[in-house]
Protein backbone atom coordinates (compact mmCIF):
# COMPACT_ATOMS: atom_id res chain seq x y z
CA UNK A 1 10.32 -26.79 -44.28
CA UNK A 2 13.22 -26.11 -46.65
CA UNK A 3 12.73 -23.25 -48.69
CA UNK A 4 14.19 -23.91 -52.82
CA UNK A 5 17.17 -21.91 -53.46
CA UNK A 6 15.16 -19.34 -55.41
CA UNK A 7 12.38 -18.60 -52.79
CA UNK A 8 15.51 -18.75 -50.31
CA UNK A 9 17.58 -15.91 -52.37
CA UNK A 10 14.10 -13.53 -52.62
CA UNK A 11 13.64 -13.19 -48.84
CA UNK A 12 17.19 -13.02 -48.60
CA UNK A 13 16.70 -9.75 -50.94
CA UNK A 14 14.07 -8.80 -49.39
CA UNK A 15 15.75 -8.93 -45.73
CA UNK A 16 18.71 -6.83 -47.08
CA UNK A 17 16.56 -4.34 -48.65
CA UNK A 18 14.47 -3.68 -45.64
CA UNK A 19 17.61 -4.11 -43.09
CA UNK A 20 19.14 -0.96 -45.52
CA UNK A 21 16.33 0.96 -44.89
CA UNK A 22 16.41 0.65 -41.13
CA UNK A 23 20.37 0.85 -41.17
CA UNK A 24 20.49 4.05 -43.62
CA UNK A 25 18.81 6.73 -41.29
CA UNK A 26 20.75 5.89 -38.50
CA UNK A 27 23.74 5.74 -40.42
CA UNK A 28 22.95 9.18 -42.07
CA UNK A 29 22.24 10.67 -38.41
CA UNK A 30 26.09 9.27 -37.42
CA UNK A 31 28.11 10.84 -40.33
CA UNK A 32 25.85 14.39 -40.22
CA UNK A 33 26.54 14.47 -36.10
CA UNK A 34 30.12 14.81 -36.99
CA UNK A 35 30.52 17.23 -39.53
CA UNK A 36 30.26 21.27 -39.24
CA UNK A 37 27.72 22.81 -40.46
CA UNK A 38 29.94 24.68 -42.87
CA UNK A 39 30.91 20.83 -44.32
CA UNK A 40 27.55 19.49 -44.12
CA UNK A 41 26.20 22.20 -46.75
CA UNK A 42 28.57 21.06 -49.05
CA UNK A 43 28.40 17.58 -48.96
CA UNK A 44 24.87 16.28 -46.59
CA UNK A 45 25.11 12.86 -48.02
CA UNK A 46 29.13 12.08 -47.71
CA UNK A 47 30.88 11.00 -44.60
CA UNK A 48 32.98 13.94 -43.03
CA UNK A 49 36.32 15.12 -44.34
CA UNK A 50 36.87 16.43 -40.48
CA UNK A 51 35.57 14.27 -37.89
CA UNK A 52 34.77 17.15 -35.42
CA UNK A 53 33.21 16.90 -31.60
CA UNK A 54 32.64 20.44 -31.94
CA UNK A 55 28.64 20.15 -33.44
CA UNK A 56 28.00 17.77 -30.54
CA UNK A 57 29.45 19.92 -27.78
CA UNK A 58 27.68 22.95 -28.80
CA UNK A 59 24.63 20.71 -28.76
CA UNK A 60 24.99 20.06 -25.79
CA UNK A 61 26.04 23.65 -24.58
CA UNK A 62 22.92 25.27 -26.17
CA UNK A 63 20.45 23.66 -25.25
CA UNK A 64 18.99 21.60 -22.14
CA UNK A 65 20.07 18.09 -23.03
CA UNK A 66 22.10 17.38 -19.94
CA UNK A 67 19.09 18.50 -17.58
CA UNK A 68 16.52 16.55 -19.73
CA UNK A 69 18.67 13.11 -19.89
CA UNK A 70 18.86 12.72 -16.21
CA UNK A 71 14.83 13.64 -16.06
CA UNK A 72 14.80 10.90 -18.53
CA UNK A 73 17.34 8.61 -16.48
CA UNK A 74 15.03 9.10 -13.54
CA UNK A 75 11.65 8.58 -14.78
CA UNK A 76 12.38 5.30 -16.94
CA UNK A 77 14.28 3.67 -13.69
CA UNK A 78 11.06 4.26 -11.31
CA UNK A 79 8.82 3.64 -14.25
CA UNK A 80 10.58 0.26 -14.92
CA UNK A 81 10.83 -0.63 -11.62
CA UNK A 82 6.87 0.12 -11.12
CA UNK A 83 6.26 -1.72 -14.00
CA UNK A 84 7.61 -5.28 -13.28
CA UNK A 85 6.81 -4.99 -9.72
CA UNK A 86 2.71 -4.42 -10.52
CA UNK A 87 3.06 -6.56 -13.82
CA UNK A 88 5.14 -9.38 -12.36
CA UNK A 89 1.93 -9.18 -9.11
CA UNK A 90 -1.20 -8.84 -11.15
CA UNK A 91 -0.09 -11.38 -13.47
CA UNK A 92 1.04 -14.46 -11.64
CA UNK A 93 -2.48 -13.94 -9.86
CA UNK A 94 -4.62 -13.94 -12.99
CA UNK A 95 -2.34 -16.96 -13.96
CA UNK A 96 -2.30 -19.15 -10.73
CA UNK A 97 -4.77 -17.59 -8.21
CA UNK A 98 -8.04 -18.40 -9.48
CA UNK A 99 -11.13 -16.25 -8.14
CA UNK A 100 -14.60 -14.92 -9.09
CA UNK A 101 -14.43 -13.10 -12.39
CA UNK A 102 -10.21 -13.46 -13.08
CA UNK A 103 -11.17 -13.88 -16.85
CA UNK A 104 -13.19 -10.88 -17.03
CA UNK A 105 -10.59 -8.81 -14.63
CA UNK A 106 -7.54 -9.66 -17.15
CA UNK A 107 -9.87 -8.40 -20.01
CA UNK A 108 -10.52 -5.28 -18.08
CA UNK A 109 -6.90 -4.95 -18.08
CA UNK A 110 -5.78 -5.76 -21.28
CA UNK A 111 -8.74 -3.87 -23.16
CA UNK A 112 -6.19 -0.86 -21.85
CA UNK A 113 -3.75 -1.74 -25.15
CA UNK A 114 -6.69 -0.77 -27.52
CA UNK A 115 -7.57 2.32 -26.43
CA UNK A 116 -5.48 5.08 -27.53
CA UNK A 117 -3.65 7.39 -25.44
CA UNK A 118 -4.50 10.37 -27.39
CA UNK A 119 -8.14 9.96 -26.94
CA UNK A 120 -8.73 10.56 -23.38
CA UNK A 121 -5.45 13.38 -23.22
CA UNK A 122 -7.62 15.72 -23.10
CA UNK A 123 -9.88 14.93 -20.16
CA UNK A 124 -6.38 13.28 -18.51
CA UNK A 125 -4.33 17.22 -18.47
CA UNK A 126 -8.54 18.77 -17.28
CA UNK A 127 -8.06 16.42 -14.61
CA UNK A 128 -4.63 16.42 -13.04
CA UNK A 129 -4.21 20.74 -13.67
CA UNK A 130 -7.05 20.42 -11.21
CA UNK A 131 -5.09 18.46 -8.70
CA UNK A 132 -2.24 20.50 -9.47
CA UNK A 133 -0.08 18.05 -11.22
CA UNK A 134 1.42 18.96 -14.28
CA UNK A 135 5.08 19.65 -14.75
CA UNK A 136 5.60 16.76 -12.11
CA UNK A 137 7.76 13.84 -11.49
CA UNK A 138 5.02 11.90 -9.91
CA UNK A 139 2.62 12.47 -12.89
CA UNK A 140 4.89 11.62 -15.60
CA UNK A 141 5.65 8.59 -13.79
CA UNK A 142 2.55 7.26 -13.34
CA UNK A 143 1.23 8.13 -16.49
CA UNK A 144 4.18 5.82 -17.80
CA UNK A 145 3.14 2.62 -15.57
CA UNK A 146 -0.10 2.83 -16.14
CA UNK A 147 -0.04 2.58 -19.84
CA UNK A 148 3.08 0.37 -19.70
CA UNK A 149 0.86 -2.63 -17.30
CA UNK A 150 -1.15 -3.78 -20.09
CA UNK A 151 1.08 -5.39 -21.64
CA UNK A 152 3.19 -5.95 -18.95
CA UNK A 153 0.49 -8.13 -17.53
CA UNK A 154 -0.08 -9.63 -21.12
CA UNK A 155 3.02 -10.59 -20.99
CA UNK A 156 3.72 -11.81 -17.11
CA UNK A 157 0.58 -14.18 -17.09
CA UNK A 158 1.26 -15.83 -20.06
CA UNK A 159 5.19 -16.63 -18.96
CA UNK A 160 3.25 -17.88 -14.98
CA UNK A 161 0.86 -19.57 -17.41
CA UNK A 162 3.99 -22.16 -18.71
CA UNK A 163 5.36 -22.40 -14.66
CA UNK A 164 4.04 -26.05 -13.58
CA UNK A 165 1.48 -25.83 -10.85
CA UNK A 166 3.57 -28.76 -8.79
CA UNK A 167 6.20 -26.50 -8.12
CA UNK A 168 3.94 -24.41 -6.68
CA UNK A 169 2.14 -27.22 -4.75
CA UNK A 170 5.64 -28.62 -3.65
CA UNK A 171 6.40 -25.21 -2.59
CA UNK A 172 3.39 -24.97 -0.20
CA UNK A 173 4.30 -28.10 1.10
CA UNK A 174 7.45 -27.01 2.43
CA UNK A 175 5.82 -24.30 4.47
CA UNK A 176 6.10 -21.52 1.80
CA UNK A 177 3.57 -18.68 2.36
CA UNK A 178 1.83 -17.06 -0.61
CA UNK A 179 3.89 -14.28 -0.84
CA UNK A 180 7.07 -16.60 -0.30
CA UNK A 181 6.50 -18.42 -3.25
CA UNK A 182 6.06 -15.50 -5.60
CA UNK A 183 9.28 -13.23 -3.93
CA UNK A 184 11.69 -16.33 -3.76
CA UNK A 185 10.67 -18.42 -6.13
CA UNK A 186 8.56 -17.23 -9.42
CA UNK A 187 10.01 -14.10 -9.66
CA UNK A 188 13.90 -15.54 -9.89
CA UNK A 189 12.37 -18.03 -12.74
CA UNK A 190 10.44 -15.27 -14.18
CA UNK A 191 13.43 -13.30 -14.73
CA UNK A 192 13.60 -13.77 -19.01
CA UNK A 193 10.27 -12.24 -18.87
CA UNK A 194 11.35 -9.20 -16.41
CA UNK A 195 14.24 -8.92 -18.30
CA UNK A 196 11.70 -8.54 -21.79
CA UNK A 197 9.51 -6.21 -20.35
CA UNK A 198 11.98 -4.11 -18.83
CA UNK A 199 13.34 -3.77 -22.28
CA UNK A 200 10.36 -3.06 -23.64
CA UNK A 201 9.39 -0.25 -21.04
CA UNK A 202 12.94 1.58 -21.18
CA UNK A 203 12.55 1.70 -25.16
CA UNK A 204 8.74 3.22 -24.65
CA UNK A 205 8.86 5.90 -21.58
CA UNK A 206 12.79 6.95 -23.21
CA UNK A 207 11.43 7.61 -26.52
CA UNK A 208 7.88 8.90 -25.71
CA UNK A 209 7.66 12.51 -27.11
CA UNK A 210 3.43 12.81 -26.53
CA UNK A 211 3.47 12.34 -22.76
CA UNK A 212 6.30 14.37 -21.85
CA UNK A 213 5.54 17.26 -24.18
CA UNK A 214 2.17 17.78 -22.77
CA UNK A 215 2.15 17.11 -18.56
CA UNK A 216 5.53 19.11 -18.74
CA UNK A 217 6.09 22.63 -19.30
CA UNK A 218 9.54 23.68 -17.32
CA UNK A 219 12.92 22.49 -18.47
CA UNK A 220 13.34 21.29 -15.18
CA UNK A 221 11.27 18.80 -16.00
CA UNK A 222 10.93 17.79 -19.44
CA UNK A 223 12.47 14.77 -20.90
CA UNK A 224 15.66 14.26 -23.51
CA UNK A 225 12.93 13.35 -25.99
CA UNK A 226 11.28 16.77 -25.65
CA UNK A 227 14.74 18.76 -25.57
CA UNK A 228 15.72 16.64 -28.93
CA UNK A 229 12.49 18.30 -30.36
CA UNK A 230 13.07 22.02 -28.87
CA UNK A 231 16.74 21.24 -30.45
CA UNK A 232 14.90 20.83 -33.55
CA UNK A 233 13.15 24.09 -33.88
CA UNK A 234 15.68 25.97 -32.52
CA UNK A 235 18.47 24.14 -35.17
CA UNK A 236 16.05 24.63 -38.04
CA UNK A 237 19.19 25.76 -40.18
CA UNK A 238 21.76 24.02 -37.94
CA UNK A 239 21.02 19.92 -38.86
CA UNK A 240 24.34 18.78 -37.18
CA UNK A 241 23.44 19.80 -34.17
CA UNK A 242 20.01 18.27 -35.17
CA UNK A 243 21.82 14.99 -35.64
CA UNK A 244 23.71 15.86 -32.80
CA UNK A 245 21.00 15.29 -30.26
CA UNK A 246 19.12 12.94 -32.00
CA UNK A 247 22.36 10.78 -31.85
CA UNK A 248 22.93 11.24 -28.10
CA UNK A 249 19.27 10.21 -27.28
CA UNK A 250 19.32 7.47 -29.38
CA UNK A 251 22.82 5.74 -27.13
CA UNK A 252 20.59 5.26 -24.38
CA UNK A 253 17.97 2.67 -26.13
CA UNK A 254 20.78 0.82 -28.42
CA UNK A 255 22.83 0.37 -25.84
CA UNK A 256 20.13 -1.46 -23.50
CA UNK A 257 18.54 -3.36 -25.83
CA UNK A 258 22.28 -4.62 -27.18
CA UNK A 259 22.41 -6.03 -23.54
CA UNK A 260 19.17 -7.54 -23.28
CA UNK A 261 17.80 -8.33 -26.97
CA UNK A 262 18.09 -12.55 -26.29
CA UNK A 263 15.67 -11.76 -22.96
CA UNK A 264 13.99 -9.47 -25.39
CA UNK A 265 13.37 -12.25 -28.52
CA UNK A 266 13.32 -15.43 -25.48
CA UNK A 267 10.10 -13.18 -23.70
CA UNK A 268 8.36 -12.14 -26.81
CA UNK A 269 8.04 -15.30 -28.47
CA UNK A 270 6.75 -16.64 -25.20
CA UNK A 271 3.92 -14.45 -24.60
CA UNK A 272 3.28 -14.73 -28.50
CA UNK A 273 2.96 -18.38 -28.12
CA UNK A 274 0.17 -18.67 -25.20
């Protein structure tokens, strides 16, 4: 359907306004992350007269951002791999291996997307404290994997439902086992969906503050998001250092999204089409 020239103009104006509201806060962070505090106090809205890396270096030296970045990288990488494997296997089984009650199992899994995590924080914390798992990498990874899997199963099931059954039958005729079909045929075909799931999991886990803040207690286990939150409290009057920390924490997610944005768009469209 073609839009009229007037309607198209209104749409473009709305899109430009939305783009400005999205871009301006990030541009504000970039400009002020390279200012000295004295210059920021004189000119908080304009570009820096003297671009300096000293603010960023000071934010790194006086905080735990390096350790936090390493912790985030470890937790995120294992979580992404875990979600991709578990969601891929579950989605394949629910889409191509009919069994009694498979619809009930699927709805039970995706019901996890409907329950706010805040509802179960208190009983979950008590249980994990009894198991002595608070402030461990294992707990962080397990929580991120379990909270990301419901959407992952939904996405992978939607993808595998679009794969022709004739492909599986041909592989079975050629002598492939059930496991061989999944690992050698289905997973390579599902790369767009897996990249999409990996990108969404990466961004969600890297940017998470709630789980990491509640279930970690020591600087040795805290993620970068928690360190940035502590930086805001520590340097409340030194906003350039706060902006420097925010900029550093956002770089990995932006780079990851730019690298896999075409897979992300394709995978999301596929998931919503089912």
